Amino acid sequence: MSPASISTNLGAAGLGAIAGVHLMWAAGSPWPLEHREALADAVIGRAAGRVPSPAACLTVAGLLGVAASLVAGRPRWEERVRRVGVIGVVATLATRAGLGLAGRTDLLSPGSDSPRFRELDRRLYSPLCLVLAVLAFPAAARPRRAGRR
């Protein structure tokens, strides 16, 4: 297995795992925290305790699932669509990482400004987005294999 394949497999697995966490949140779980108010503060930066709706969590989970599929090399039947999708995934993750590291996640998610969220965003969420962007990047340049259309 090539380093690029290992990278994209890890990136796709990471995106898939995060999609799974969003599915848990859609079902009402506050994992990894004790209650939903703490989840709202730590994950979306709203100390008031207002968590996203199940529909919002399902939407994010679906988008992350699509991103994982694109990074994993699907759809195989349309390489150009997949590559454009991967470029979008990498650009989105890199933008999220950059804004988070700069302390400006509120530009993407207004109201994401609790002190706990800002600390976690700089220490965990933004670096994770950057790592996922780097891991996914080789999928955008993956050469076509012979016999694929």
N, C-alpha and C. Protein backbone atom coordinates (compact mmCIF):
# COMPACT_ATOMS: atom_id res chain seq x y z
N MET A 1 0.86 -1.17 0.00
CA MET A 1 0.00 0.00 0.00
C MET A 1 0.90 1.24 0.00
N SER A 2 0.59 2.19 -0.85
CA SER A 2 1.40 3.40 -0.99
C SER A 2 1.12 4.37 0.16
N PRO A 3 2.05 5.29 0.42
CA PRO A 3 1.80 6.32 1.44
C PRO A 3 0.55 7.14 1.15
N ALA A 4 0.30 7.43 -0.13
CA ALA A 4 -0.91 8.19 -0.48
C ALA A 4 -2.17 7.41 -0.14
N SER A 5 -2.16 6.10 -0.38
CA SER A 5 -3.32 5.27 -0.04
C SER A 5 -3.53 5.20 1.47
N ILE A 6 -2.44 5.08 2.21
CA ILE A 6 -2.55 5.06 3.67
C ILE A 6 -3.13 6.39 4.16
N SER A 7 -2.62 7.48 3.61
CA SER A 7 -3.10 8.81 4.00
C SER A 7 -4.59 8.96 3.73
N THR A 8 -5.01 8.63 2.51
CA THR A 8 -6.42 8.81 2.18
C THR A 8 -7.31 7.85 2.95
N ASN A 9 -6.84 6.64 3.22
CA ASN A 9 -7.62 5.71 4.04
C ASN A 9 -7.80 6.25 5.46
N LEU A 10 -6.73 6.80 6.03
CA LEU A 10 -6.83 7.39 7.37
C LEU A 10 -7.76 8.61 7.35
N GLY A 11 -7.65 9.44 6.33
CA GLY A 11 -8.52 10.60 6.22
C GLY A 11 -9.98 10.21 6.10
N ALA A 12 -10.26 9.23 5.25
CA ALA A 12 -11.64 8.76 5.08
C ALA A 12 -12.18 8.15 6.37
N ALA A 13 -11.34 7.39 7.07
CA ALA A 13 -11.76 6.78 8.34
C ALA A 13 -12.05 7.86 9.38
N GLY A 14 -11.19 8.88 9.43
CA GLY A 14 -11.42 9.97 10.38
C GLY A 14 -12.71 10.71 10.10
N LEU A 15 -12.96 11.02 8.85
CA LEU A 15 -14.21 11.69 8.48
C LEU A 15 -15.42 10.82 8.79
N GLY A 16 -15.29 9.51 8.53
CA GLY A 16 -16.38 8.59 8.84
C GLY A 16 -16.64 8.49 10.33
N ALA A 17 -15.58 8.49 11.13
CA ALA A 17 -15.75 8.42 12.58
C ALA A 17 -16.45 9.68 13.11
N ILE A 18 -16.08 10.83 12.57
CA ILE A 18 -16.72 12.07 13.01
C ILE A 18 -18.18 12.09 12.57
N ALA A 19 -18.47 11.52 11.41
CA ALA A 19 -19.88 11.39 10.98
C ALA A 19 -20.64 10.53 11.99
N GLY A 20 -20.02 9.46 12.45
CA GLY A 20 -20.66 8.59 13.45
C GLY A 20 -20.97 9.32 14.75
N VAL A 21 -20.06 10.17 15.18
CA VAL A 21 -20.30 10.96 16.40
C VAL A 21 -21.50 11.88 16.19
N HIS A 22 -21.60 12.49 15.02
CA HIS A 22 -22.75 13.35 14.74
C HIS A 22 -24.06 12.56 14.72
N LEU A 23 -24.00 11.33 14.26
CA LEU A 23 -25.20 10.47 14.31
C LEU A 23 -25.60 10.20 15.76
N MET A 24 -24.61 9.99 16.63
CA MET A 24 -24.91 9.78 18.05
C MET A 24 -25.56 11.03 18.65
N TRP A 25 -25.04 12.20 18.28
CA TRP A 25 -25.63 13.45 18.78
C TRP A 25 -27.04 13.63 18.26
N ALA A 26 -27.30 13.23 17.02
CA ALA A 26 -28.65 13.33 16.46
C ALA A 26 -29.63 12.46 17.24
N ALA A 27 -29.12 11.34 17.76
CA ALA A 27 -29.96 10.42 18.54
C ALA A 27 -30.13 10.89 19.98
N GLY A 28 -29.46 12.00 20.36
CA GLY A 28 -29.64 12.55 21.70
C GLY A 28 -28.50 12.30 22.67
N SER A 29 -27.48 11.61 22.25
CA SER A 29 -26.35 11.33 23.14
C SER A 29 -25.51 12.59 23.34
N PRO A 30 -25.05 12.85 24.58
CA PRO A 30 -24.14 13.97 24.80
C PRO A 30 -22.67 13.54 24.75
N TRP A 31 -22.40 12.30 24.35
CA TRP A 31 -21.04 11.77 24.35
C TRP A 31 -20.11 12.71 23.58
N PRO A 32 -18.96 13.00 24.08
CA PRO A 32 -18.23 12.41 25.21
C PRO A 32 -18.43 13.16 26.52
N LEU A 33 -19.42 14.01 26.59
CA LEU A 33 -19.66 14.79 27.81
C LEU A 33 -20.82 14.21 28.59
N GLU A 34 -21.07 14.79 29.76
CA GLU A 34 -22.10 14.23 30.64
C GLU A 34 -23.52 14.65 30.28
N HIS A 35 -23.69 15.85 29.75
CA HIS A 35 -25.03 16.31 29.41
C HIS A 35 -24.98 17.23 28.19
N ARG A 36 -26.14 17.46 27.59
CA ARG A 36 -26.22 18.19 26.33
C ARG A 36 -25.83 19.67 26.46
N GLU A 37 -26.05 20.26 27.62
CA GLU A 37 -25.65 21.65 27.81
C GLU A 37 -24.13 21.79 27.73
N ALA A 38 -23.42 20.85 28.34
CA ALA A 38 -21.95 20.86 28.26
C ALA A 38 -21.50 20.60 26.83
N LEU A 39 -22.22 19.74 26.13
CA LEU A 39 -21.91 19.47 24.72
C LEU A 39 -22.05 20.74 23.89
N ALA A 40 -23.14 21.46 24.10
CA ALA A 40 -23.36 22.70 23.34
C ALA A 40 -22.24 23.70 23.59
N ASP A 41 -21.81 23.82 24.83
CA ASP A 41 -20.74 24.75 25.17
C ASP A 41 -19.42 24.32 24.54
N ALA A 42 -19.09 23.05 24.66
CA ALA A 42 -17.78 22.57 24.20
C ALA A 42 -17.69 22.41 22.69
N VAL A 43 -18.78 22.03 22.04
CA VAL A 43 -18.71 21.67 20.62
C VAL A 43 -19.19 22.78 19.69
N ILE A 44 -20.17 23.54 20.09
CA ILE A 44 -20.62 24.61 19.19
C ILE A 44 -20.40 26.00 19.77
N GLY A 45 -19.95 26.08 21.03
CA GLY A 45 -19.56 27.36 21.60
C GLY A 45 -20.68 28.23 22.08
N ARG A 46 -21.77 27.62 22.43
CA ARG A 46 -22.90 28.39 22.94
C ARG A 46 -23.14 27.99 24.39
N ALA A 47 -22.69 28.83 25.27
CA ALA A 47 -22.80 28.53 26.70
C ALA A 47 -24.24 28.44 27.16
N ALA A 48 -25.16 29.01 26.40
CA ALA A 48 -26.57 28.98 26.78
C ALA A 48 -27.15 27.57 26.74
N GLY A 49 -26.41 26.63 26.17
CA GLY A 49 -26.84 25.24 26.20
C GLY A 49 -27.76 24.82 25.08
N ARG A 50 -27.89 25.63 24.04
CA ARG A 50 -28.77 25.28 22.93
C ARG A 50 -28.01 24.40 21.95
N VAL A 51 -28.39 23.13 21.88
CA VAL A 51 -27.70 22.19 20.99
C VAL A 51 -28.36 22.20 19.62
N PRO A 52 -27.61 21.82 18.59
CA PRO A 52 -28.21 21.73 17.26
C PRO A 52 -29.31 20.67 17.24
N SER A 53 -30.24 20.85 16.35
CA SER A 53 -31.35 19.91 16.21
C SER A 53 -30.85 18.59 15.66
N PRO A 54 -31.63 17.52 15.86
CA PRO A 54 -31.26 16.24 15.24
C PRO A 54 -31.11 16.37 13.72
N ALA A 55 -31.96 17.17 13.09
CA ALA A 55 -31.85 17.36 11.64
C ALA A 55 -30.51 17.99 11.27
N ALA A 56 -30.06 18.97 12.05
CA ALA A 56 -28.76 19.60 11.77
C ALA A 56 -27.63 18.60 11.95
N CYS A 57 -27.70 17.79 13.00
CA CYS A 57 -26.67 16.77 13.23
C CYS A 57 -26.67 15.74 12.11
N LEU A 58 -27.86 15.34 11.65
CA LEU A 58 -27.95 14.37 10.55
C LEU A 58 -27.40 14.97 9.25
N THR A 59 -27.65 16.25 9.03
CA THR A 59 -27.11 16.91 7.84
C THR A 59 -25.59 16.90 7.85
N VAL A 60 -25.01 17.28 8.99
CA VAL A 60 -23.54 17.29 9.10
C VAL A 60 -23.00 15.86 8.96
N ALA A 61 -23.66 14.89 9.58
CA ALA A 61 -23.22 13.50 9.45
C ALA A 61 -23.26 13.05 7.99
N GLY A 62 -24.31 13.43 7.28
CA GLY A 62 -24.41 13.08 5.86
C GLY A 62 -23.31 13.71 5.03
N LEU A 63 -23.05 14.99 5.27
CA LEU A 63 -21.98 15.67 4.54
C LEU A 63 -20.62 15.05 4.83
N LEU A 64 -20.38 14.71 6.10
CA LEU A 64 -19.12 14.05 6.45
C LEU A 64 -19.03 12.66 5.82
N GLY A 65 -20.15 11.96 5.72
CA GLY A 65 -20.16 10.66 5.06
C GLY A 65 -19.83 10.78 3.58
N VAL A 66 -20.39 11.79 2.93
CA VAL A 66 -20.07 12.04 1.51
C VAL A 66 -18.59 12.38 1.38
N ALA A 67 -18.09 13.23 2.27
CA ALA A 67 -16.67 13.60 2.24
C ALA A 67 -15.79 12.36 2.40
N ALA A 68 -16.14 11.50 3.33
CA ALA A 68 -15.36 10.26 3.55
C ALA A 68 -15.38 9.39 2.30
N SER A 69 -16.52 9.29 1.64
CA SER A 69 -16.62 8.49 0.42
C SER A 69 -15.76 9.06 -0.69
N LEU A 70 -15.79 10.37 -0.85
CA LEU A 70 -14.98 11.01 -1.89
C LEU A 70 -13.49 10.77 -1.63
N VAL A 71 -13.06 10.96 -0.40
CA VAL A 71 -11.65 10.77 -0.05
C VAL A 71 -11.26 9.31 -0.22
N ALA A 72 -12.19 8.40 0.03
CA ALA A 72 -11.92 6.96 -0.12
C ALA A 72 -11.87 6.52 -1.58
N GLY A 73 -12.22 7.43 -2.51
CA GLY A 73 -12.10 7.09 -3.92
C GLY A 73 -13.40 6.79 -4.62
N ARG A 74 -14.50 7.25 -4.08
CA ARG A 74 -15.79 7.01 -4.70
C ARG A 74 -16.43 8.35 -5.06
N PRO A 75 -17.14 8.45 -6.15
CA PRO A 75 -17.52 7.38 -7.06
C PRO A 75 -16.38 7.02 -8.01
N ARG A 76 -16.20 5.76 -8.21
CA ARG A 76 -15.14 5.28 -9.09
C ARG A 76 -15.47 5.53 -10.56
N TRP A 77 -16.75 5.62 -10.88
CA TRP A 77 -17.17 5.76 -12.28
C TRP A 77 -17.01 7.18 -12.80
N GLU A 78 -16.78 8.15 -11.95
CA GLU A 78 -16.63 9.53 -12.43
C GLU A 78 -15.49 10.21 -11.67
N GLU A 79 -14.31 10.03 -12.21
CA GLU A 79 -13.10 10.53 -11.55
C GLU A 79 -13.11 12.04 -11.40
N ARG A 80 -13.56 12.76 -12.40
CA ARG A 80 -13.56 14.23 -12.31
C ARG A 80 -14.47 14.73 -11.20
N VAL A 81 -15.63 14.14 -11.07
CA VAL A 81 -16.56 14.54 -10.01
C VAL A 81 -15.93 14.27 -8.65
N ARG A 82 -15.31 13.11 -8.50
CA ARG A 82 -14.69 12.75 -7.24
C ARG A 82 -13.56 13.71 -6.91
N ARG A 83 -12.72 14.01 -7.87
CA ARG A 83 -11.58 14.90 -7.61
C ARG A 83 -12.04 16.31 -7.24
N VAL A 84 -13.05 16.83 -7.93
CA VAL A 84 -13.59 18.15 -7.57
C VAL A 84 -14.16 18.10 -6.16
N GLY A 85 -14.85 17.02 -5.84
CA GLY A 85 -15.40 16.87 -4.49
C GLY A 85 -14.31 16.84 -3.43
N VAL A 86 -13.24 16.11 -3.70
CA VAL A 86 -12.13 16.04 -2.74
C VAL A 86 -11.48 17.41 -2.57
N ILE A 87 -11.32 18.13 -3.66
CA ILE A 87 -10.76 19.49 -3.55
C ILE A 87 -11.65 20.35 -2.66
N GLY A 88 -12.96 20.19 -2.80
CA GLY A 88 -13.90 20.91 -1.94
C GLY A 88 -13.76 20.50 -0.48
N VAL A 89 -13.58 19.21 -0.24
CA VAL A 89 -13.40 18.71 1.13
C VAL A 89 -12.13 19.29 1.73
N VAL A 90 -11.03 19.23 0.98
CA VAL A 90 -9.75 19.74 1.48
C VAL A 90 -9.85 21.25 1.73
N ALA A 91 -10.45 21.98 0.81
CA ALA A 91 -10.58 23.43 0.98
C ALA A 91 -11.44 23.78 2.19
N THR A 92 -12.52 23.05 2.38
CA THR A 92 -13.40 23.29 3.52
C THR A 92 -12.68 23.02 4.84
N LEU A 93 -12.00 21.88 4.91
CA LEU A 93 -11.28 21.54 6.13
C LEU A 93 -10.15 22.52 6.41
N ALA A 94 -9.42 22.92 5.37
CA ALA A 94 -8.32 23.86 5.56
C ALA A 94 -8.83 25.24 5.99
N THR A 95 -9.94 25.67 5.41
CA THR A 95 -10.53 26.95 5.80
C THR A 95 -10.99 26.90 7.25
N ARG A 96 -11.66 25.82 7.60
CA ARG A 96 -12.12 25.66 9.00
C ARG A 96 -10.93 25.66 9.96
N ALA A 97 -9.86 24.97 9.59
CA ALA A 97 -8.66 24.92 10.43
C ALA A 97 -8.05 26.31 10.57
N GLY A 98 -7.89 27.00 9.46
CA GLY A 98 -7.27 28.32 9.50
C GLY A 98 -8.05 29.31 10.33
N LEU A 99 -9.37 29.36 10.13
CA LEU A 99 -10.19 30.28 10.90
C LEU A 99 -10.18 29.91 12.38
N GLY A 100 -10.21 28.62 12.68
CA GLY A 100 -10.19 28.20 14.07
C GLY A 100 -8.89 28.53 14.76
N LEU A 101 -7.78 28.29 14.08
CA LEU A 101 -6.48 28.60 14.67
C LEU A 101 -6.29 30.10 14.86
N ALA A 102 -6.95 30.89 14.01
CA ALA A 102 -6.89 32.34 14.14
C ALA A 102 -7.90 32.87 15.15
N GLY A 103 -8.70 31.97 15.74
CA GLY A 103 -9.70 32.40 16.71
C GLY A 103 -10.91 33.04 16.09
N ARG A 104 -11.21 32.70 14.83
CA ARG A 104 -12.33 33.32 14.12
C ARG A 104 -13.35 32.32 13.59
N THR A 105 -13.56 31.23 14.30
CA THR A 105 -14.57 30.26 13.91
C THR A 105 -15.95 30.92 13.86
N ASP A 106 -16.13 31.99 14.62
CA ASP A 106 -17.41 32.69 14.62
C ASP A 106 -17.80 33.23 13.24
N LEU A 107 -16.83 33.37 12.34
CA LEU A 107 -17.16 33.79 10.98
C LEU A 107 -17.92 32.71 10.23
N LEU A 108 -17.67 31.45 10.56
CA LEU A 108 -18.37 30.33 9.95
C LEU A 108 -19.62 29.94 10.74
N SER A 109 -19.53 30.09 12.04
CA SER A 109 -20.61 29.69 12.93
C SER A 109 -20.86 30.81 13.94
N PRO A 110 -21.67 31.81 13.56
CA PRO A 110 -21.91 32.93 14.46
C PRO A 110 -22.42 32.45 15.83
N GLY A 111 -21.87 33.04 16.87
CA GLY A 111 -22.26 32.66 18.22
C GLY A 111 -21.36 31.62 18.84
N SER A 112 -20.39 31.12 18.09
CA SER A 112 -19.45 30.12 18.62
C SER A 112 -18.33 30.85 19.35
N ASP A 113 -18.65 31.31 20.56
CA ASP A 113 -17.68 32.18 21.22
C ASP A 113 -17.49 31.90 22.71
N SER A 114 -17.99 30.79 23.21
CA SER A 114 -17.76 30.53 24.63
C SER A 114 -16.28 30.27 24.87
N PRO A 115 -15.78 30.62 26.03
CA PRO A 115 -14.35 30.40 26.33
C PRO A 115 -13.93 28.94 26.20
N ARG A 116 -14.78 28.02 26.66
CA ARG A 116 -14.44 26.60 26.56
C ARG A 116 -14.30 26.17 25.11
N PHE A 117 -15.25 26.59 24.28
CA PHE A 117 -15.18 26.24 22.86
C PHE A 117 -13.93 26.81 22.22
N ARG A 118 -13.62 28.07 22.48
CA ARG A 118 -12.45 28.69 21.86
C ARG A 118 -11.17 27.94 22.22
N GLU A 119 -11.06 27.51 23.47
CA GLU A 119 -9.87 26.75 23.88
C GLU A 119 -9.82 25.40 23.16
N LEU A 120 -10.93 24.68 23.16
CA LEU A 120 -10.97 23.38 22.48
C LEU A 120 -10.77 23.54 20.97
N ASP A 121 -11.30 24.61 20.41
CA ASP A 121 -11.17 24.85 18.98
C ASP A 121 -9.70 25.02 18.60
N ARG A 122 -8.97 25.78 19.38
CA ARG A 122 -7.55 26.00 19.06
C ARG A 122 -6.69 24.78 19.36
N ARG A 123 -7.03 24.04 20.38
CA ARG A 123 -6.20 22.89 20.78
C ARG A 123 -6.56 21.59 20.10
N LEU A 124 -7.83 21.41 19.72
CA LEU A 124 -8.28 20.12 19.22
C LEU A 124 -8.97 20.20 17.86
N TYR A 125 -10.07 20.94 17.76
CA TYR A 125 -10.88 20.90 16.55
C TYR A 125 -10.15 21.41 15.31
N SER A 126 -9.53 22.57 15.42
CA SER A 126 -8.83 23.15 14.26
C SER A 126 -7.62 22.31 13.83
N PRO A 127 -6.78 21.87 14.78
CA PRO A 127 -5.69 20.98 14.36
C PRO A 127 -6.20 19.69 13.72
N LEU A 128 -7.31 19.15 14.24
CA LEU A 128 -7.89 17.94 13.64
C LEU A 128 -8.34 18.22 12.21
N CYS A 129 -8.98 19.36 11.97
CA CYS A 129 -9.38 19.72 10.61
C CYS A 129 -8.17 19.83 9.70
N LEU A 130 -7.09 20.40 10.20
CA LEU A 130 -5.88 20.54 9.40
C LEU A 130 -5.28 19.18 9.07
N VAL A 131 -5.23 18.28 10.05
CA VAL A 131 -4.70 16.93 9.82
C VAL A 131 -5.57 16.21 8.78
N LEU A 132 -6.88 16.31 8.92
CA LEU A 132 -7.78 15.65 7.96
C LEU A 132 -7.60 16.22 6.55
N ALA A 133 -7.41 17.54 6.45
CA ALA A 133 -7.17 18.15 5.13
C ALA A 133 -5.89 17.61 4.51
N VAL A 134 -4.85 17.51 5.31
CA VAL A 134 -3.57 16.99 4.80
C VAL A 134 -3.70 15.53 4.40
N LEU A 135 -4.39 14.73 5.21
CA LEU A 135 -4.58 13.32 4.89
C LEU A 135 -5.42 13.13 3.63
N ALA A 136 -6.41 14.00 3.43
CA ALA A 136 -7.30 13.88 2.27
C ALA A 136 -6.66 14.40 0.98
N PHE A 137 -5.70 15.29 1.10
CA PHE A 137 -5.12 15.96 -0.07
C PHE A 137 -4.64 15.00 -1.17
N PRO A 138 -3.95 13.91 -0.85
CA PRO A 138 -3.49 13.02 -1.93
C PRO A 138 -4.63 12.44 -2.77
N ALA A 139 -5.83 12.38 -2.23
CA ALA A 139 -6.97 11.84 -2.99
C ALA A 139 -7.32 12.75 -4.17
N ALA A 140 -6.99 14.03 -4.07
CA ALA A 140 -7.27 14.95 -5.17
C ALA A 140 -6.32 14.74 -6.34
N ALA A 141 -5.17 14.17 -6.06
CA ALA A 141 -4.16 13.99 -7.10
C ALA A 141 -3.98 12.54 -7.49
N ARG A 142 -4.81 11.67 -6.95
CA ARG A 142 -4.69 10.25 -7.22
C ARG A 142 -4.82 10.00 -8.72
N PRO A 143 -3.84 9.39 -9.35
CA PRO A 143 -3.91 9.16 -10.81
C PRO A 143 -4.96 8.12 -11.16
N ARG A 144 -5.47 8.24 -12.35
CA ARG A 144 -6.44 7.25 -12.85
C ARG A 144 -5.75 5.94 -13.06
N ARG A 145 -6.42 4.89 -12.71
CA ARG A 145 -5.88 3.56 -12.98
C ARG A 145 -6.31 3.12 -14.36
N ALA A 146 -5.47 2.32 -14.98
CA ALA A 146 -5.80 1.81 -16.30
C ALA A 146 -7.09 1.02 -16.24
N GLY A 147 -7.94 1.23 -17.23
CA GLY A 147 -9.19 0.49 -17.31
C GLY A 147 -10.35 1.17 -16.62
N ARG A 148 -10.09 2.23 -15.86
CA ARG A 148 -11.18 2.96 -15.19
C ARG A 148 -11.70 4.05 -16.11
N ARG A 149 -12.97 4.25 -16.09
CA ARG A 149 -13.58 5.29 -16.92
C ARG A 149 -14.19 6.34 -16.06
